[in-house]
Amino acid sequence: MANNIIGRVLATEKKPTTIDDFTFWTAPELILNPFDIVKVQHVNNSFSYGVIEDIAHITDAASFLTNFISSDFGDVSAEGNTLRVGMNYVTAKVVCNTNNIYIPVQNNAKVMLATAEEINYALGLNDIRNPLMCGYIEMYEGTSVVLQIFC
């Protein structure tokens, strides 16, 4: 599953991408965790890497009261007549770019899971001269790919 597209970058008038962070949507059933690292297609055939900071779910409900009312004024066993339109979105902090290009990632850019080698690169662990085993990082728990990176 590494390097398969898992989502696309979102840039809106109220929440643009910046040199520091970006937001992307994912499939509702995709399980990601805070601190997982993702790879984003960027300009000049480069890739930016981001660390997941926040995961949220939003619907077309205007307020919490809207959901309460549509559940027959708080009846927890009530089933709504129509499903709400909803989506998951993820906020990530940019950690590096393969060509040192630090302009904002662009709207609709492809977001992928990174390989173990790419995560080592993003974390600056690929050029350690005298590596010392100090632990490991587990990424993408709940997906078909679970990476364990030793640092």
C-alpha atoms as a PDB file:
ATOM      1  CA  MET A   1       0.000   0.000   0.000  1.00  0.00           C
ATOM      2  CA  ALA A   2       3.009   2.325   0.367  1.00  0.00           C
ATOM      3  CA  ASN A   3       3.083   4.895  -2.461  1.00  0.00           C
ATOM      4  CA  ASN A   4      -0.555   4.170  -3.348  1.00  0.00           C
ATOM      5  CA  ILE A   5      -2.694   7.289  -3.411  1.00  0.00           C
ATOM      6  CA  ILE A   6      -4.670   7.630  -0.157  1.00  0.00           C
ATOM      7  CA  GLY A   7      -6.061  11.128  -0.653  1.00  0.00           C
ATOM      8  CA  ARG A   8      -5.740  14.558  -2.243  1.00  0.00           C
ATOM      9  CA  VAL A   9      -4.622  17.907  -0.854  1.00  0.00           C
ATOM     10  CA  LEU A  10      -7.332  20.435   0.057  1.00  0.00           C
ATOM     11  CA  ALA A  11      -6.789  24.181  -0.223  1.00  0.00           C
ATOM     12  CA  THR A  12      -9.704  26.496   0.461  1.00  0.00           C
ATOM     13  CA  GLU A  13     -10.131  30.225   0.838  1.00  0.00           C
ATOM     14  CA  LYS A  14     -10.397  29.883   4.619  1.00  0.00           C
ATOM     15  CA  LYS A  15      -7.822  27.076   5.051  1.00  0.00           C
ATOM     16  CA  PRO A  16      -5.047  27.386   2.429  1.00  0.00           C
ATOM     17  CA  THR A  17      -1.957  25.209   2.308  1.00  0.00           C
ATOM     18  CA  THR A  18       1.183  26.927   3.602  1.00  0.00           C
ATOM     19  CA  ILE A  19       4.913  26.317   3.640  1.00  0.00           C
ATOM     20  CA  ASP A  20       4.391  24.737   7.080  1.00  0.00           C
ATOM     21  CA  ASP A  21       1.266  22.597   6.750  1.00  0.00           C
ATOM     22  CA  PHE A  22      -1.405  21.162   4.489  1.00  0.00           C
ATOM     23  CA  THR A  23      -4.721  19.371   4.732  1.00  0.00           C
ATOM     24  CA  PHE A  24      -5.929  16.398   2.700  1.00  0.00           C
ATOM     25  CA  TRP A  25      -9.035  14.222   2.484  1.00  0.00           C
ATOM     26  CA  THR A  26      -9.010  10.444   2.766  1.00  0.00           C
ATOM     27  CA  ALA A  27     -11.419   7.566   2.306  1.00  0.00           C
ATOM     28  CA  PRO A  28     -13.660   7.218   5.378  1.00  0.00           C
ATOM     29  CA  GLU A  29     -12.441   3.694   6.140  1.00  0.00           C
ATOM     30  CA  LEU A  30      -8.712   4.532   5.958  1.00  0.00           C
ATOM     31  CA  ILE A  31      -7.104   4.379   9.401  1.00  0.00           C
ATOM     32  CA  LEU A  32      -4.230   6.770   9.961  1.00  0.00           C
ATOM     33  CA  ASN A  33      -2.663   7.848  13.238  1.00  0.00           C
ATOM     34  CA  PRO A  34      -1.097  11.030  14.531  1.00  0.00           C
ATOM     35  CA  PHE A  35       2.651  11.079  13.767  1.00  0.00           C
ATOM     36  CA  ASP A  36       2.344   8.848  10.677  1.00  0.00           C
ATOM     37  CA  ILE A  37       4.328  10.310   7.765  1.00  0.00           C
ATOM     38  CA  VAL A  38       2.774  10.854   4.338  1.00  0.00           C
ATOM     39  CA  LYS A  39       4.308  11.716   0.982  1.00  0.00           C
ATOM     40  CA  VAL A  40       2.856  14.405  -1.319  1.00  0.00           C
ATOM     41  CA  GLN A  41       3.527  14.909  -5.011  1.00  0.00           C
ATOM     42  CA  HIS A  42       4.970  18.414  -5.475  1.00  0.00           C
ATOM     43  CA  VAL A  43       6.420  20.707  -8.144  1.00  0.00           C
ATOM     44  CA  ASN A  44       9.513  19.932 -10.294  1.00  0.00           C
ATOM     45  CA  ASN A  45       9.113  16.186  -9.751  1.00  0.00           C
ATOM     46  CA  SER A  46       9.768  16.591  -6.042  1.00  0.00           C
ATOM     47  CA  PHE A  47       7.946  15.155  -3.052  1.00  0.00           C
ATOM     48  CA  SER A  48       7.134  16.790   0.257  1.00  0.00           C
ATOM     49  CA  TYR A  49       6.742  14.746   3.427  1.00  0.00           C
ATOM     50  CA  GLY A  50       4.375  15.603   6.233  1.00  0.00           C
ATOM     51  CA  VAL A  51       3.773  14.350   9.769  1.00  0.00           C
ATOM     52  CA  ILE A  52       0.094  13.876  10.602  1.00  0.00           C
ATOM     53  CA  GLU A  53      -0.978  16.234  13.372  1.00  0.00           C
ATOM     54  CA  ASP A  54      -4.769  16.059  13.378  1.00  0.00           C
ATOM     55  CA  ILE A  55      -7.541  13.897  11.915  1.00  0.00           C
ATOM     56  CA  ALA A  56     -11.110  15.184  11.729  1.00  0.00           C
ATOM     57  CA  HIS A  57     -14.525  14.265  10.342  1.00  0.00           C
ATOM     58  CA  ILE A  58     -16.930  16.905   9.035  1.00  0.00           C
ATOM     59  CA  THR A  59     -20.511  16.709   7.761  1.00  0.00           C
ATOM     60  CA  ASP A  60     -22.897  19.061   6.025  1.00  0.00           C
ATOM     61  CA  ALA A  61     -24.654  19.785   9.353  1.00  0.00           C
ATOM     62  CA  ALA A  62     -24.623  23.510  10.077  1.00  0.00           C
ATOM     63  CA  SER A  63     -24.350  22.985  13.846  1.00  0.00           C
ATOM     64  CA  PHE A  64     -24.460  20.373  16.586  1.00  0.00           C
ATOM     65  CA  LEU A  65     -28.080  21.332  17.071  1.00  0.00           C
ATOM     66  CA  THR A  66     -28.837  20.202  13.508  1.00  0.00           C
ATOM     67  CA  ASN A  67     -27.681  16.672  14.319  1.00  0.00           C
ATOM     68  CA  PHE A  68     -29.554  16.681  17.626  1.00  0.00           C
ATOM     69  CA  ILE A  69     -32.813  17.733  15.939  1.00  0.00           C
ATOM     70  CA  SER A  70     -32.408  15.231  13.092  1.00  0.00           C
ATOM     71  CA  SER A  71     -32.147  12.487  15.739  1.00  0.00           C
ATOM     72  CA  ASP A  72     -35.730  13.168  16.789  1.00  0.00           C
ATOM     73  CA  PHE A  73     -34.597  15.754  19.351  1.00  0.00           C
ATOM     74  CA  GLY A  74     -32.014  13.561  21.062  1.00  0.00           C
ATOM     75  CA  ASP A  75     -33.470  10.078  20.715  1.00  0.00           C
ATOM     76  CA  VAL A  76     -30.278   8.002  20.565  1.00  0.00           C
ATOM     77  CA  SER A  77     -32.101   5.059  18.984  1.00  0.00           C
ATOM     78  CA  ALA A  78     -33.609   7.158  16.156  1.00  0.00           C
ATOM     79  CA  GLU A  79     -32.305   6.554  12.636  1.00  0.00           C
ATOM     80  CA  GLY A  80     -32.231   9.560  10.325  1.00  0.00           C
ATOM     81  CA  ASN A  81     -34.235   9.578   7.110  1.00  0.00           C
ATOM     82  CA  THR A  82     -31.215  10.638   5.078  1.00  0.00           C
ATOM     83  CA  LEU A  83     -27.497  10.208   5.575  1.00  0.00           C
ATOM     84  CA  ARG A  84     -25.365  13.275   6.151  1.00  0.00           C
ATOM     85  CA  VAL A  85     -22.696  14.035   3.582  1.00  0.00           C
ATOM     86  CA  GLY A  86     -19.400  13.678   5.420  1.00  0.00           C
ATOM     87  CA  MET A  87     -15.667  13.313   4.935  1.00  0.00           C
ATOM     88  CA  ASN A  88     -12.465  12.728   6.862  1.00  0.00           C
ATOM     89  CA  TYR A  89      -9.684  15.252   6.564  1.00  0.00           C
ATOM     90  CA  VAL A  90      -6.155  15.205   7.912  1.00  0.00           C
ATOM     91  CA  THR A  91      -3.782  18.050   8.799  1.00  0.00           C
ATOM     92  CA  ALA A  92      -0.055  17.426   8.388  1.00  0.00           C
ATOM     93  CA  LYS A  93       3.077  19.440   9.172  1.00  0.00           C
ATOM     94  CA  VAL A  94       5.668  19.656   6.368  1.00  0.00           C
ATOM     95  CA  VAL A  95       9.005  18.149   7.447  1.00  0.00           C
ATOM     96  CA  CYS A  96      11.037  18.161   4.225  1.00  0.00           C
ATOM     97  CA  ASN A  97      11.060  18.191   0.423  1.00  0.00           C
ATOM     98  CA  THR A  98      13.266  16.033  -1.804  1.00  0.00           C
ATOM     99  CA  ASN A  99      14.463  19.082  -3.824  1.00  0.00           C
ATOM    100  CA  ASN A 100      14.411  21.645  -0.974  1.00  0.00           C
ATOM    101  CA  ILE A 101      11.341  23.322  -2.486  1.00  0.00           C
ATOM    102  CA  TYR A 102       9.330  24.909   0.287  1.00  0.00           C
ATOM    103  CA  ILE A 103       6.413  26.517  -1.460  1.00  0.00           C
ATOM    104  CA  PRO A 104       2.962  25.313  -0.386  1.00  0.00           C
ATOM    105  CA  VAL A 105       1.838  21.977  -1.799  1.00  0.00           C
ATOM    106  CA  GLN A 106      -0.841  22.541  -4.399  1.00  0.00           C
ATOM    107  CA  ASN A 107      -4.551  21.788  -4.248  1.00  0.00           C
ATOM    108  CA  ASN A 108      -5.471  18.282  -5.422  1.00  0.00           C
ATOM    109  CA  ALA A 109      -1.871  16.998  -5.141  1.00  0.00           C
ATOM    110  CA  LYS A 110      -1.677  13.236  -4.612  1.00  0.00           C
ATOM    111  CA  VAL A 111      -1.049  12.067  -1.039  1.00  0.00           C
ATOM    112  CA  MET A 112       0.527   8.646  -0.478  1.00  0.00           C
ATOM    113  CA  LEU A 113       1.851   6.458   2.313  1.00  0.00           C
ATOM    114  CA  ALA A 114       5.638   6.556   2.346  1.00  0.00           C
ATOM    115  CA  THR A 115       8.004   3.582   2.263  1.00  0.00           C
ATOM    116  CA  ALA A 116      10.388   2.818   5.140  1.00  0.00           C
ATOM    117  CA  GLU A 117      13.295   4.327   3.173  1.00  0.00           C
ATOM    118  CA  GLU A 118      11.300   7.496   2.481  1.00  0.00           C
ATOM    119  CA  ILE A 119      10.365   7.842   6.157  1.00  0.00           C
ATOM    120  CA  ASN A 120      14.031   7.485   7.122  1.00  0.00           C
ATOM    121  CA  TYR A 121      14.823  10.255   4.611  1.00  0.00           C
ATOM    122  CA  ALA A 122      12.027  12.495   5.901  1.00  0.00           C
ATOM    123  CA  LEU A 123      13.220  12.086   9.492  1.00  0.00           C
ATOM    124  CA  GLY A 124      16.876  12.629   8.577  1.00  0.00           C
ATOM    125  CA  LEU A 125      17.833   9.089   9.614  1.00  0.00           C
ATOM    126  CA  ASN A 126      19.201   7.947   6.251  1.00  0.00           C
ATOM    127  CA  ASP A 127      22.742   9.342   6.646  1.00  0.00           C
ATOM    128  CA  ILE A 128      23.661   8.304  10.173  1.00  0.00           C
ATOM    129  CA  ARG A 129      27.358   7.329  10.192  1.00  0.00           C
ATOM    130  CA  ASN A 130      27.413   5.202  13.327  1.00  0.00           C
ATOM    131  CA  PRO A 131      23.856   4.041  13.907  1.00  0.00           C
ATOM    132  CA  LEU A 132      22.922   2.879  17.378  1.00  0.00           C
ATOM    133  CA  MET A 133      19.773   0.833  17.884  1.00  0.00           C
ATOM    134  CA  CYS A 134      17.574   2.966  20.115  1.00  0.00           C
ATOM    135  CA  GLY A 135      14.077   1.785  19.252  1.00  0.00           C
ATOM    136  CA  TYR A 136      11.616   1.706  16.400  1.00  0.00           C
ATOM    137  CA  ILE A 137       8.732   3.648  14.979  1.00  0.00           C
ATOM    138  CA  GLU A 138       5.572   1.867  13.842  1.00  0.00           C
ATOM    139  CA  MET A 139       3.560   3.534  11.067  1.00  0.00           C
ATOM    140  CA  TYR A 140       0.242   2.895   9.369  1.00  0.00           C
ATOM    141  CA  GLU A 141      -1.272   0.649  12.010  1.00  0.00           C
ATOM    142  CA  GLY A 142      -4.702  -0.483  10.876  1.00  0.00           C
ATOM    143  CA  THR A 143      -3.729  -0.490   7.188  1.00  0.00           C
ATOM    144  CA  SER A 144      -2.485  -3.369   5.090  1.00  0.00           C
ATOM    145  CA  VAL A 145       1.074  -2.000   5.517  1.00  0.00           C
ATOM    146  CA  VAL A 146       2.637  -1.674   8.955  1.00  0.00           C
ATOM    147  CA  LEU A 147       6.142  -0.244   8.797  1.00  0.00           C
ATOM    148  CA  GLN A 148       8.648  -0.638  11.597  1.00  0.00           C
ATOM    149  CA  ILE A 149      11.562   1.741  11.319  1.00  0.00           C
ATOM    150  CA  PHE A 150      14.614   1.225  13.474  1.00  0.00           C
ATOM    151  CA  CYS A 151      16.569   4.285  14.415  1.00  0.00           C
END
